[in-house]
PDB file of N, CA and C in Angstrom:
ATOM      1  N   MET A   1       0.865  -1.149   0.015  1.00  0.00           N
ATOM      2  CA  MET A   1       0.002   0.013   0.008  1.00  0.00           C
ATOM      3  C   MET A   1       0.895   1.219  -0.022  1.00  0.00           C
ATOM      4  N   SER A   2       0.571   2.190  -0.810  1.00  0.00           N
ATOM      5  CA  SER A   2       1.293   3.418  -0.868  1.00  0.00           C
ATOM      6  C   SER A   2       1.209   4.252   0.444  1.00  0.00           C
ATOM      7  N   LYS A   3       2.160   5.079   0.683  1.00  0.00           N
ATOM      8  CA  LYS A   3       2.043   5.960   1.871  1.00  0.00           C
ATOM      9  C   LYS A   3       0.844   6.801   1.873  1.00  0.00           C
ATOM     10  N   ILE A   4       0.523   7.408   0.660  1.00  0.00           N
ATOM     11  CA  ILE A   4      -0.573   8.239   0.536  1.00  0.00           C
ATOM     12  C   ILE A   4      -1.855   7.542   0.884  1.00  0.00           C
ATOM     13  N   LYS A   5      -2.038   6.319   0.326  1.00  0.00           N
ATOM     14  CA  LYS A   5      -3.250   5.552   0.653  1.00  0.00           C
ATOM     15  C   LYS A   5      -3.328   5.275   2.153  1.00  0.00           C
ATOM     16  N   PHE A   6      -2.180   4.789   2.704  1.00  0.00           N
ATOM     17  CA  PHE A   6      -2.097   4.543   4.158  1.00  0.00           C
ATOM     18  C   PHE A   6      -2.513   5.705   4.956  1.00  0.00           C
ATOM     19  N   ASN A   7      -1.926   6.902   4.632  1.00  0.00           N
ATOM     20  CA  ASN A   7      -2.185   8.073   5.346  1.00  0.00           C
ATOM     21  C   ASN A   7      -3.673   8.496   5.249  1.00  0.00           C
ATOM     22  N   LYS A   8      -4.272   8.316   4.075  1.00  0.00           N
ATOM     23  CA  LYS A   8      -5.719   8.595   3.978  1.00  0.00           C
ATOM     24  C   LYS A   8      -6.505   7.654   4.915  1.00  0.00           C
ATOM     25  N   GLU A   9      -6.207   6.356   4.870  1.00  0.00           N
ATOM     26  CA  GLU A   9      -6.942   5.425   5.753  1.00  0.00           C
ATOM     27  C   GLU A   9      -6.725   5.776   7.221  1.00  0.00           C
ATOM     28  N   THR A  10      -5.489   6.246   7.609  1.00  0.00           N
ATOM     29  CA  THR A  10      -5.279   6.657   8.991  1.00  0.00           C
ATOM     30  C   THR A  10      -6.171   7.864   9.371  1.00  0.00           C
ATOM     31  N   ALA A  11      -6.240   8.883   8.511  1.00  0.00           N
ATOM     32  CA  ALA A  11      -7.070  10.018   8.704  1.00  0.00           C
ATOM     33  C   ALA A  11      -8.551   9.609   8.852  1.00  0.00           C
ATOM     34  N   LEU A  12      -9.050   8.723   8.033  1.00  0.00           N
ATOM     35  CA  LEU A  12     -10.472   8.303   8.119  1.00  0.00           C
ATOM     36  C   LEU A  12     -10.687   7.482   9.372  1.00  0.00           C
ATOM     37  N   ALA A  13      -9.679   6.701   9.747  1.00  0.00           N
ATOM     38  CA  ALA A  13      -9.802   5.935  11.031  1.00  0.00           C
ATOM     39  C   ALA A  13      -9.845   6.864  12.259  1.00  0.00           C
ATOM     40  N   TRP A  14      -9.032   7.904  12.126  1.00  0.00           N
ATOM     41  CA  TRP A  14      -8.888   8.951  13.152  1.00  0.00           C
ATOM     42  C   TRP A  14     -10.334   9.622  13.341  1.00  0.00           C
ATOM     43  N   ILE A  15     -10.913  10.073  12.243  1.00  0.00           N
ATOM     44  CA  ILE A  15     -12.237  10.710  12.359  1.00  0.00           C
ATOM     45  C   ILE A  15     -13.264   9.724  12.929  1.00  0.00           C
ATOM     46  N   LYS A  16     -13.283   8.497  12.470  1.00  0.00           N
ATOM     47  CA  LYS A  16     -14.226   7.514  13.013  1.00  0.00           C
ATOM     48  C   LYS A  16     -13.988   7.303  14.472  1.00  0.00           C
ATOM     49  N   ALA A  17     -12.816   7.046  14.942  1.00  0.00           N
ATOM     50  CA  ALA A  17     -12.480   6.762  16.325  1.00  0.00           C
ATOM     51  C   ALA A  17     -12.885   7.968  17.180  1.00  0.00           C
ATOM     52  N   PHE A  18     -12.582   9.223  16.634  1.00  0.00           N
ATOM     53  CA  PHE A  18     -12.956  10.388  17.449  1.00  0.00           C
ATOM     54  C   PHE A  18     -14.450  10.481  17.575  1.00  0.00           C
ATOM     55  N   ASN A  19     -15.185  10.358  16.463  1.00  0.00           N
ATOM     56  CA  ASN A  19     -16.688  10.518  16.482  1.00  0.00           C
ATOM     57  C   ASN A  19     -17.301   9.369  17.319  1.00  0.00           C
ATOM     58  N   ASP A  20     -16.683   8.208  17.436  1.00  0.00           N
ATOM     59  CA  ASP A  20     -17.196   7.121  18.208  1.00  0.00           C
ATOM     60  C   ASP A  20     -16.798   7.279  19.682  1.00  0.00           C
ATOM     61  N   HIS A  21     -15.924   8.265  19.993  1.00  0.00           N
ATOM     62  CA  HIS A  21     -15.386   8.430  21.227  1.00  0.00           C
ATOM     63  C   HIS A  21     -14.715   7.285  21.773  1.00  0.00           C
ATOM     64  N   ASP A  22     -13.934   6.588  20.819  1.00  0.00           N
ATOM     65  CA  ASP A  22     -13.241   5.352  21.049  1.00  0.00           C
ATOM     66  C   ASP A  22     -11.749   5.628  21.270  1.00  0.00           C
ATOM     67  N   LEU A  23     -11.437   5.893  22.558  1.00  0.00           N
ATOM     68  CA  LEU A  23     -10.085   6.286  22.943  1.00  0.00           C
ATOM     69  C   LEU A  23      -9.044   5.256  22.552  1.00  0.00           C
ATOM     70  N   ASP A  24      -9.311   4.000  22.768  1.00  0.00           N
ATOM     71  CA  ASP A  24      -8.395   2.944  22.428  1.00  0.00           C
ATOM     72  C   ASP A  24      -7.996   2.923  20.924  1.00  0.00           C
ATOM     73  N   SER A  25      -9.064   3.061  20.060  1.00  0.00           N
ATOM     74  CA  SER A  25      -8.788   3.010  18.646  1.00  0.00           C
ATOM     75  C   SER A  25      -8.048   4.298  18.255  1.00  0.00           C
ATOM     76  N   LEU A  26      -8.425   5.451  18.809  1.00  0.00           N
ATOM     77  CA  LEU A  26      -7.797   6.669  18.541  1.00  0.00           C
ATOM     78  C   LEU A  26      -6.261   6.630  18.892  1.00  0.00           C
ATOM     79  N   LEU A  27      -6.024   6.195  20.123  1.00  0.00           N
ATOM     80  CA  LEU A  27      -4.601   6.156  20.600  1.00  0.00           C
ATOM     81  C   LEU A  27      -3.765   5.109  19.797  1.00  0.00           C
ATOM     82  N   ALA A  28      -4.441   4.068  19.346  1.00  0.00           N
ATOM     83  CA  ALA A  28      -3.645   3.038  18.524  1.00  0.00           C
ATOM     84  C   ALA A  28      -3.077   3.649  17.286  1.00  0.00           C
ATOM     85  N   LEU A  29      -3.532   4.794  16.891  1.00  0.00           N
ATOM     86  CA  LEU A  29      -2.981   5.462  15.636  1.00  0.00           C
ATOM     87  C   LEU A  29      -1.796   6.276  15.931  1.00  0.00           C
ATOM     88  N   TYR A  30      -1.429   6.472  17.218  1.00  0.00           N
ATOM     89  CA  TYR A  30      -0.372   7.336  17.683  1.00  0.00           C
ATOM     90  C   TYR A  30       0.914   6.551  18.132  1.00  0.00           C
ATOM     91  N   ALA A  31       2.055   7.161  17.895  1.00  0.00           N
ATOM     92  CA  ALA A  31       3.264   6.641  18.465  1.00  0.00           C
ATOM     93  C   ALA A  31       3.241   6.916  19.991  1.00  0.00           C
ATOM     94  N   ASP A  32       3.913   6.080  20.760  1.00  0.00           N
ATOM     95  CA  ASP A  32       3.898   6.243  22.175  1.00  0.00           C
ATOM     96  C   ASP A  32       4.356   7.589  22.692  1.00  0.00           C
ATOM     97  N   ASP A  33       5.297   8.295  22.018  1.00  0.00           N
ATOM     98  CA  ASP A  33       5.824   9.573  22.367  1.00  0.00           C
ATOM     99  C   ASP A  33       5.276  10.728  21.589  1.00  0.00           C
ATOM    100  N   ALA A  34       4.092  10.515  20.897  1.00  0.00           N
ATOM    101  CA  ALA A  34       3.552  11.506  20.039  1.00  0.00           C
ATOM    102  C   ALA A  34       3.284  12.783  20.789  1.00  0.00           C
ATOM    103  N   VAL A  35       3.319  13.926  20.034  1.00  0.00           N
ATOM    104  CA  VAL A  35       3.063  15.301  20.629  1.00  0.00           C
ATOM    105  C   VAL A  35       1.850  15.823  19.922  1.00  0.00           C
ATOM    106  N   HIS A  36       1.001  16.462  20.722  1.00  0.00           N
ATOM    107  CA  HIS A  36      -0.256  17.101  20.202  1.00  0.00           C
ATOM    108  C   HIS A  36      -0.313  18.539  20.660  1.00  0.00           C
ATOM    109  N   PHE A  37      -0.728  19.427  19.734  1.00  0.00           N
ATOM    110  CA  PHE A  37      -0.907  20.875  20.018  1.00  0.00           C
ATOM    111  C   PHE A  37      -2.343  21.200  19.718  1.00  0.00           C
ATOM    112  N   SER A  38      -2.893  21.991  20.589  1.00  0.00           N
ATOM    113  CA  SER A  38      -4.270  22.479  20.402  1.00  0.00           C
ATOM    114  C   SER A  38      -4.482  23.806  21.089  1.00  0.00           C
ATOM    115  N   PRO A  39      -5.105  24.817  20.423  1.00  0.00           N
ATOM    116  CA  PRO A  39      -5.408  26.052  21.185  1.00  0.00           C
ATOM    117  C   PRO A  39      -6.309  25.821  22.298  1.00  0.00           C
ATOM    118  N   LYS A  40      -7.164  24.835  22.289  1.00  0.00           N
ATOM    119  CA  LYS A  40      -8.097  24.488  23.325  1.00  0.00           C
ATOM    120  C   LYS A  40      -7.277  24.035  24.555  1.00  0.00           C
ATOM    121  N   LEU A  41      -6.201  23.285  24.300  1.00  0.00           N
ATOM    122  CA  LEU A  41      -5.324  22.840  25.407  1.00  0.00           C
ATOM    123  C   LEU A  41      -4.790  24.030  26.119  1.00  0.00           C
ATOM    124  N   LYS A  42      -4.329  25.008  25.333  1.00  0.00           N
ATOM    125  CA  LYS A  42      -3.653  26.281  25.872  1.00  0.00           C
ATOM    126  C   LYS A  42      -4.677  26.926  26.761  1.00  0.00           C
ATOM    127  N   ILE A  43      -5.910  26.954  26.404  1.00  0.00           N
ATOM    128  CA  ILE A  43      -6.990  27.603  27.267  1.00  0.00           C
ATOM    129  C   ILE A  43      -7.332  26.815  28.432  1.00  0.00           C
ATOM    130  N   ARG A  44      -7.525  25.550  28.335  1.00  0.00           N
ATOM    131  CA  ARG A  44      -7.962  24.716  29.465  1.00  0.00           C
ATOM    132  C   ARG A  44      -6.855  24.413  30.404  1.00  0.00           C
ATOM    133  N   ILE A  45      -5.637  24.242  29.853  1.00  0.00           N
ATOM    134  CA  ILE A  45      -4.447  23.919  30.765  1.00  0.00           C
ATOM    135  C   ILE A  45      -3.351  24.840  30.353  1.00  0.00           C
ATOM    136  N   PRO A  46      -3.372  26.088  30.794  1.00  0.00           N
ATOM    137  CA  PRO A  46      -2.435  27.154  30.340  1.00  0.00           C
ATOM    138  C   PRO A  46      -0.930  26.718  30.574  1.00  0.00           C
ATOM    139  N   GLU A  47      -0.688  25.995  31.637  1.00  0.00           N
ATOM    140  CA  GLU A  47       0.786  25.597  31.823  1.00  0.00           C
ATOM    141  C   GLU A  47       1.282  24.688  30.802  1.00  0.00           C
ATOM    142  N   SER A  48       0.350  24.048  29.945  1.00  0.00           N
ATOM    143  CA  SER A  48       0.739  23.153  28.905  1.00  0.00           C
ATOM    144  C   SER A  48       1.299  23.907  27.671  1.00  0.00           C
ATOM    145  N   ASN A  49       1.021  25.193  27.686  1.00  0.00           N
ATOM    146  CA  ASN A  49       1.348  25.982  26.462  1.00  0.00           C
ATOM    147  C   ASN A  49       0.736  25.334  25.184  1.00  0.00           C
ATOM    148  N   GLY A  50      -0.320  24.583  25.331  1.00  0.00           N
ATOM    149  CA  GLY A  50      -1.025  24.023  24.201  1.00  0.00           C
ATOM    150  C   GLY A  50      -0.513  22.655  23.802  1.00  0.00           C
ATOM    151  N   HIS A  51       0.495  22.110  24.467  1.00  0.00           N
ATOM    152  CA  HIS A  51       1.090  20.793  24.097  1.00  0.00           C
ATOM    153  C   HIS A  51       0.874  19.770  25.114  1.00  0.00           C
ATOM    154  N   VAL A  52       0.653  18.507  24.627  1.00  0.00           N
ATOM    155  CA  VAL A  52       0.717  17.341  25.444  1.00  0.00           C
ATOM    156  C   VAL A  52       1.618  16.308  24.703  1.00  0.00           C
ATOM    157  N   SER A  53       2.251  15.474  25.470  1.00  0.00           N
ATOM    158  CA  SER A  53       3.188  14.477  24.897  1.00  0.00           C
ATOM    159  C   SER A  53       2.840  13.069  25.482  1.00  0.00           C
ATOM    160  N   GLY A  54       2.789  12.082  24.672  1.00  0.00           N
ATOM    161  CA  GLY A  54       2.624  10.711  25.035  1.00  0.00           C
ATOM    162  C   GLY A  54       1.227  10.246  25.154  1.00  0.00           C
ATOM    163  N   LYS A  55       1.011   8.991  25.091  1.00  0.00           N
ATOM    164  CA  LYS A  55      -0.364   8.474  25.060  1.00  0.00           C
ATOM    165  C   LYS A  55      -1.104   8.603  26.385  1.00  0.00           C
ATOM    166  N   ILE A  56      -0.379   8.611  27.455  1.00  0.00           N
ATOM    167  CA  ILE A  56      -1.104   8.852  28.758  1.00  0.00           C
ATOM    168  C   ILE A  56      -1.768  10.227  28.754  1.00  0.00           C
ATOM    169  N   ALA A  57      -0.967  11.201  28.343  1.00  0.00           N
ATOM    170  CA  ALA A  57      -1.550  12.645  28.314  1.00  0.00           C
ATOM    171  C   ALA A  57      -2.628  12.737  27.234  1.00  0.00           C
ATOM    172  N   LEU A  58      -2.402  12.093  26.139  1.00  0.00           N
ATOM    173  CA  LEU A  58      -3.459  12.124  25.081  1.00  0.00           C
ATOM    174  C   LEU A  58      -4.739  11.482  25.559  1.00  0.00           C
ATOM    175  N   ARG A  59      -4.687  10.379  26.259  1.00  0.00           N
ATOM    176  CA  ARG A  59      -5.852   9.726  26.856  1.00  0.00           C
ATOM    177  C   ARG A  59      -6.609  10.621  27.812  1.00  0.00           C
ATOM    178  N   GLN A  60      -5.799  11.273  28.663  1.00  0.00           N
ATOM    179  CA  GLN A  60      -6.388  12.272  29.636  1.00  0.00           C
ATOM    180  C   GLN A  60      -7.057  13.397  28.918  1.00  0.00           C
ATOM    181  N   TRP A  61      -6.420  14.009  27.934  1.00  0.00           N
ATOM    182  CA  TRP A  61      -6.977  15.121  27.224  1.00  0.00           C
ATOM    183  C   TRP A  61      -8.258  14.743  26.550  1.00  0.00           C
ATOM    184  N   TRP A  62      -8.244  13.705  25.668  1.00  0.00           N
ATOM    185  CA  TRP A  62      -9.384  13.382  24.905  1.00  0.00           C
ATOM    186  C   TRP A  62     -10.524  12.727  25.796  1.00  0.00           C
ATOM    187  N   GLY A  63     -10.089  11.966  26.778  1.00  0.00           N
ATOM    188  CA  GLY A  63     -11.055  11.346  27.708  1.00  0.00           C
ATOM    189  C   GLY A  63     -11.869  12.451  28.397  1.00  0.00           C
ATOM    190  N   ASP A  64     -11.224  13.509  28.850  1.00  0.00           N
ATOM    191  CA  ASP A  64     -11.831  14.635  29.514  1.00  0.00           C
ATOM    192  C   ASP A  64     -12.767  15.292  28.497  1.00  0.00           C
ATOM    193  N   ALA A  65     -12.321  15.508  27.294  1.00  0.00           N
ATOM    194  CA  ALA A  65     -13.226  16.215  26.289  1.00  0.00           C
ATOM    195  C   ALA A  65     -14.463  15.332  26.013  1.00  0.00           C
ATOM    196  N   PHE A  66     -14.291  14.078  25.844  1.00  0.00           N
ATOM    197  CA  PHE A  66     -15.419  13.158  25.621  1.00  0.00           C
ATOM    198  C   PHE A  66     -16.414  13.127  26.742  1.00  0.00           C
ATOM    199  N   ASN A  67     -15.894  13.204  27.966  1.00  0.00           N
ATOM    200  CA  ASN A  67     -16.784  13.226  29.139  1.00  0.00           C
ATOM    201  C   ASN A  67     -17.487  14.581  29.319  1.00  0.00           C
ATOM    202  N   ARG A  68     -16.790  15.643  29.140  1.00  0.00           N
ATOM    203  CA  ARG A  68     -17.406  16.970  29.242  1.00  0.00           C
ATOM    204  C   ARG A  68     -18.331  17.275  28.087  1.00  0.00           C
ATOM    205  N   LEU A  69     -18.059  16.768  26.946  1.00  0.00           N
ATOM    206  CA  LEU A  69     -18.770  17.174  25.695  1.00  0.00           C
ATOM    207  C   LEU A  69     -19.252  15.910  25.002  1.00  0.00           C
ATOM    208  N   PRO A  70     -20.293  15.194  25.589  1.00  0.00           N
ATOM    209  CA  PRO A  70     -20.752  13.967  24.969  1.00  0.00           C
ATOM    210  C   PRO A  70     -21.253  14.042  23.527  1.00  0.00           C
ATOM    211  N   SER A  71     -21.622  15.293  23.101  1.00  0.00           N
ATOM    212  CA  SER A  71     -22.112  15.412  21.714  1.00  0.00           C
ATOM    213  C   SER A  71     -21.029  15.804  20.755  1.00  0.00           C
ATOM    214  N   LEU A  72     -19.796  15.976  21.253  1.00  0.00           N
ATOM    215  CA  LEU A  72     -18.660  16.358  20.368  1.00  0.00           C
ATOM    216  C   LEU A  72     -18.490  15.431  19.192  1.00  0.00           C
ATOM    217  N   ASN A  73     -18.498  16.047  17.990  1.00  0.00           N
ATOM    218  CA  ASN A  73     -18.103  15.231  16.857  1.00  0.00           C
ATOM    219  C   ASN A  73     -17.612  16.122  15.778  1.00  0.00           C
ATOM    220  N   TYR A  74     -16.943  15.512  14.824  1.00  0.00           N
ATOM    221  CA  TYR A  74     -16.257  16.237  13.708  1.00  0.00           C
ATOM    222  C   TYR A  74     -16.894  15.787  12.424  1.00  0.00           C
ATOM    223  N   HIS A  75     -17.224  16.666  11.538  1.00  0.00           N
ATOM    224  CA  HIS A  75     -17.758  16.450  10.196  1.00  0.00           C
ATOM    225  C   HIS A  75     -16.643  16.800   9.231  1.00  0.00           C
ATOM    226  N   LEU A  76     -16.093  15.723   8.628  1.00  0.00           N
ATOM    227  CA  LEU A  76     -14.907  15.892   7.700  1.00  0.00           C
ATOM    228  C   LEU A  76     -15.360  16.665   6.450  1.00  0.00           C
ATOM    229  N   VAL A  77     -14.594  17.651   6.113  1.00  0.00           N
ATOM    230  CA  VAL A  77     -14.864  18.478   4.894  1.00  0.00           C
ATOM    231  C   VAL A  77     -13.846  18.182   3.806  1.00  0.00           C
ATOM    232  N   ASN A  78     -12.550  18.000   4.189  1.00  0.00           N
ATOM    233  CA  ASN A  78     -11.502  17.907   3.148  1.00  0.00           C
ATOM    234  C   ASN A  78     -10.316  17.193   3.758  1.00  0.00           C
ATOM    235  N   LEU A  79      -9.569  16.437   2.865  1.00  0.00           N
ATOM    236  CA  LEU A  79      -8.235  15.890   3.172  1.00  0.00           C
ATOM    237  C   LEU A  79      -7.294  16.312   2.152  1.00  0.00           C
ATOM    238  N   ILE A  80      -6.110  16.704   2.600  1.00  0.00           N
ATOM    239  CA  ILE A  80      -4.965  16.935   1.746  1.00  0.00           C
ATOM    240  C   ILE A  80      -3.868  16.073   2.239  1.00  0.00           C
ATOM    241  N   ILE A  81      -3.325  15.180   1.333  1.00  0.00           N
ATOM    242  CA  ILE A  81      -2.523  14.130   1.789  1.00  0.00           C
ATOM    243  C   ILE A  81      -1.158  14.067   1.033  1.00  0.00           C
ATOM    244  N   ASN A  82      -0.069  13.859   1.723  1.00  0.00           N
ATOM    245  CA  ASN A  82       1.172  13.515   1.036  1.00  0.00           C
ATOM    246  C   ASN A  82       1.810  12.310   1.726  1.00  0.00           C
ATOM    247  N   ASP A  83       3.089  12.021   1.424  1.00  0.00           N
ATOM    248  CA  ASP A  83       3.730  10.890   2.001  1.00  0.00           C
ATOM    249  C   ASP A  83       3.976  10.975   3.499  1.00  0.00           C
ATOM    250  N   ASP A  84       4.037  12.134   4.066  1.00  0.00           N
ATOM    251  CA  ASP A  84       4.421  12.336   5.407  1.00  0.00           C
ATOM    252  C   ASP A  84       3.370  12.909   6.313  1.00  0.00           C
ATOM    253  N   GLN A  85       2.283  13.491   5.714  1.00  0.00           N
ATOM    254  CA  GLN A  85       1.270  14.093   6.611  1.00  0.00           C
ATOM    255  C   GLN A  85      -0.069  14.205   5.904  1.00  0.00           C
ATOM    256  N   VAL A  86      -1.039  14.440   6.757  1.00  0.00           N
ATOM    257  CA  VAL A  86      -2.428  14.734   6.320  1.00  0.00           C
ATOM    258  C   VAL A  86      -2.925  15.977   6.865  1.00  0.00           C
ATOM    259  N   LEU A  87      -3.534  16.756   6.080  1.00  0.00           N
ATOM    260  CA  LEU A  87      -4.266  17.941   6.588  1.00  0.00           C
ATOM    261  C   LEU A  87      -5.702  17.703   6.496  1.00  0.00           C
ATOM    262  N   MET A  88      -6.351  17.605   7.612  1.00  0.00           N
ATOM    263  CA  MET A  88      -7.790  17.342   7.729  1.00  0.00           C
ATOM    264  C   MET A  88      -8.525  18.689   7.998  1.00  0.00           C
ATOM    265  N   GLU A  89      -9.495  18.968   7.231  1.00  0.00           N
ATOM    266  CA  GLU A  89     -10.432  20.102   7.558  1.00  0.00           C
ATOM    267  C   GLU A  89     -11.726  19.494   7.967  1.00  0.00           C
ATOM    268  N   TYR A  90     -12.262  19.954   9.119  1.00  0.00           N
ATOM    269  CA  TYR A  90     -13.530  19.384   9.650  1.00  0.00           C
ATOM    270  C   TYR A  90     -14.255  20.495  10.419  1.00  0.00           C
ATOM    271  N   VAL A  91     -15.534  20.297  10.512  1.00  0.00           N
ATOM    272  CA  VAL A  91     -16.350  21.201  11.314  1.00  0.00           C
ATOM    273  C   VAL A  91     -16.516  20.482  12.757  1.00  0.00           C
ATOM    274  N   ARG A  92     -16.251  21.266  13.772  1.00  0.00           N
ATOM    275  CA  ARG A  92     -16.393  20.777  15.096  1.00  0.00           C
ATOM    276  C   ARG A  92     -17.789  21.131  15.550  1.00  0.00           C
ATOM    277  N   ARG A  93     -18.534  20.061  16.025  1.00  0.00           N
ATOM    278  CA  ARG A  93     -19.876  20.247  16.421  1.00  0.00           C
ATOM    279  C   ARG A  93     -20.081  19.853  17.870  1.00  0.00           C
ATOM    280  N   VAL A  94     -20.681  20.680  18.648  1.00  0.00           N
ATOM    281  CA  VAL A  94     -21.066  20.347  20.046  1.00  0.00           C
ATOM    282  C   VAL A  94     -22.444  20.985  20.292  1.00  0.00           C
ATOM    283  N   ASP A  95     -23.323  20.246  20.852  1.00  0.00           N
ATOM    284  CA  ASP A  95     -24.685  20.732  21.185  1.00  0.00           C
ATOM    285  C   ASP A  95     -24.543  22.057  21.993  1.00  0.00           C
ATOM    286  N   GLY A  96     -25.237  23.083  21.591  1.00  0.00           N
ATOM    287  CA  GLY A  96     -25.210  24.284  22.384  1.00  0.00           C
ATOM    288  C   GLY A  96     -24.101  25.265  22.011  1.00  0.00           C
ATOM    289  N   ASP A  97     -23.111  24.864  21.197  1.00  0.00           N
ATOM    290  CA  ASP A  97     -21.982  25.706  20.780  1.00  0.00           C
ATOM    291  C   ASP A  97     -22.160  25.998  19.285  1.00  0.00           C
ATOM    292  N   ALA A  98     -21.581  27.098  18.845  1.00  0.00           N
ATOM    293  CA  ALA A  98     -21.523  27.400  17.443  1.00  0.00           C
ATOM    294  C   ALA A  98     -20.596  26.446  16.701  1.00  0.00           C
ATOM    295  N   GLU A  99     -20.898  26.034  15.534  1.00  0.00           N
ATOM    296  CA  GLU A  99     -19.974  25.159  14.741  1.00  0.00           C
ATOM    297  C   GLU A  99     -18.651  25.969  14.547  1.00  0.00           C
ATOM    298  N   MET A 100     -17.515  25.166  14.514  1.00  0.00           N
ATOM    299  CA  MET A 100     -16.247  25.806  14.360  1.00  0.00           C
ATOM    300  C   MET A 100     -15.460  25.023  13.252  1.00  0.00           C
ATOM    301  N   MET A 101     -14.906  25.741  12.245  1.00  0.00           N
ATOM    302  CA  MET A 101     -14.074  25.091  11.272  1.00  0.00           C
ATOM    303  C   MET A 101     -12.674  24.921  11.849  1.00  0.00           C
ATOM    304  N   ILE A 102     -12.152  23.699  11.685  1.00  0.00           N
ATOM    305  CA  ILE A 102     -10.875  23.271  12.228  1.00  0.00           C
ATOM    306  C   ILE A 102     -10.046  22.724  11.104  1.00  0.00           C
ATOM    307  N   ALA A 103      -8.721  22.967  11.188  1.00  0.00           N
ATOM    308  CA  ALA A 103      -7.753  22.319  10.373  1.00  0.00           C
ATOM    309  C   ALA A 103      -6.812  21.638  11.273  1.00  0.00           C
ATOM    310  N   GLU A 104      -6.502  20.358  10.998  1.00  0.00           N
ATOM    311  CA  GLU A 104      -5.574  19.559  11.820  1.00  0.00           C
ATOM    312  C   GLU A 104      -4.554  18.853  10.964  1.00  0.00           C
ATOM    313  N   VAL A 105      -3.333  18.971  11.338  1.00  0.00           N
ATOM    314  CA  VAL A 105      -2.269  18.244  10.616  1.00  0.00           C
ATOM    315  C   VAL A 105      -1.839  17.008  11.394  1.00  0.00           C
ATOM    316  N   LEU A 106      -1.795  15.897  10.778  1.00  0.00           N
ATOM    317  CA  LEU A 106      -1.257  14.663  11.326  1.00  0.00           C
ATOM    318  C   LEU A 106       0.052  14.370  10.613  1.00  0.00           C
ATOM    319  N   GLU A 107       1.114  14.367  11.389  1.00  0.00           N
ATOM    320  CA  GLU A 107       2.469  13.924  10.824  1.00  0.00           C
ATOM    321  C   GLU A 107       2.593  12.461  11.105  1.00  0.00           C
ATOM    322  N   ILE A 108       2.876  11.634  10.072  1.00  0.00           N
ATOM    323  CA  ILE A 108       2.912  10.208  10.179  1.00  0.00           C
ATOM    324  C   ILE A 108       4.342   9.713   9.820  1.00  0.00           C
ATOM    325  N   LYS A 109       4.850   8.826  10.657  1.00  0.00           N
ATOM    326  CA  LYS A 109       6.101   8.213  10.455  1.00  0.00           C
ATOM    327  C   LYS A 109       6.055   6.754  10.888  1.00  0.00           C
ATOM    328  N   ASP A 110       6.540   5.845  10.069  1.00  0.00           N
ATOM    329  CA  ASP A 110       6.512   4.435  10.401  1.00  0.00           C
ATOM    330  C   ASP A 110       5.077   3.981  10.803  1.00  0.00           C
ATOM    331  N   LYS A 111       4.111   4.450   9.983  1.00  0.00           N
ATOM    332  CA  LYS A 111       2.707   4.074  10.136  1.00  0.00           C
ATOM    333  C   LYS A 111       1.996   4.520  11.435  1.00  0.00           C
ATOM    334  N   LEU A 112       2.602   5.513  12.133  1.00  0.00           N
ATOM    335  CA  LEU A 112       1.991   6.026  13.339  1.00  0.00           C
ATOM    336  C   LEU A 112       2.033   7.507  13.336  1.00  0.00           C
ATOM    337  N   ILE A 113       1.010   8.186  13.903  1.00  0.00           N
ATOM    338  CA  ILE A 113       1.044   9.570  14.116  1.00  0.00           C
ATOM    339  C   ILE A 113       2.097   9.968  15.142  1.00  0.00           C
ATOM    340  N   ILE A 114       3.027  10.834  14.704  1.00  0.00           N
ATOM    341  CA  ILE A 114       4.023  11.262  15.704  1.00  0.00           C
ATOM    342  C   ILE A 114       3.797  12.712  16.177  1.00  0.00           C
ATOM    343  N   ARG A 115       3.013  13.440  15.469  1.00  0.00           N
ATOM    344  CA  ARG A 115       2.684  14.855  15.848  1.00  0.00           C
ATOM    345  C   ARG A 115       1.353  15.195  15.273  1.00  0.00           C
ATOM    346  N   SER A 116       0.575  15.948  15.976  1.00  0.00           N
ATOM    347  CA  SER A 116      -0.660  16.523  15.464  1.00  0.00           C
ATOM    348  C   SER A 116      -0.784  17.898  16.010  1.00  0.00           C
ATOM    349  N   ARG A 117      -1.342  18.784  15.098  1.00  0.00           N
ATOM    350  CA  ARG A 117      -1.474  20.218  15.378  1.00  0.00           C
ATOM    351  C   ARG A 117      -2.875  20.677  14.933  1.00  0.00           C
ATOM    352  N   VAL A 118      -3.563  21.325  15.836  1.00  0.00           N
ATOM    353  CA  VAL A 118      -4.899  21.858  15.555  1.00  0.00           C
ATOM    354  C   VAL A 118      -4.825  23.354  15.263  1.00  0.00           C
ATOM    355  N   TYR A 119      -5.550  23.817  14.270  1.00  0.00           N
ATOM    356  CA  TYR A 119      -5.695  25.245  13.933  1.00  0.00           C
ATOM    357  C   TYR A 119      -7.201  25.568  13.853  1.00  0.00           C
ATOM    358  N   GLN A 120      -7.648  26.601  14.506  1.00  0.00           N
ATOM    359  CA  GLN A 120      -9.053  26.935  14.515  1.00  0.00           C
ATOM    360  C   GLN A 120      -9.218  28.248  13.713  1.00  0.00           C
ATOM    361  N   ALA A 121     -10.431  28.282  13.064  1.00  0.00           N
ATOM    362  CA  ALA A 121     -10.777  29.460  12.309  1.00  0.00           C
ATOM    363  C   ALA A 121     -11.789  30.241  13.029  1.00  0.00           C
TER     364      ALA A 121
END
């Protein structure tokens, strides 16, 4: 399988796992020492400066989000893929909140996400 096809499948699996609130499937896509950046992290946990590292921290971050926001889901709009990364554009939806357009970059190495970065519009 080509890297581009693999990276597309990884992005689609990421969206599915996130929307299913399936932490184990989501974390299985990440390297053990993966780094994640999100402006929401910077707001909720200022001392993080927007970054978390490793699967334990990722589990805590997303587990908290899934518990606080049970209706949280992402509607995929676009994928831009190359051999090393995927840019996902999606609409963030939460009951009671305005929809938000998000861009997220997944950097992939050795078939695992090593870094992810969220950008909000």
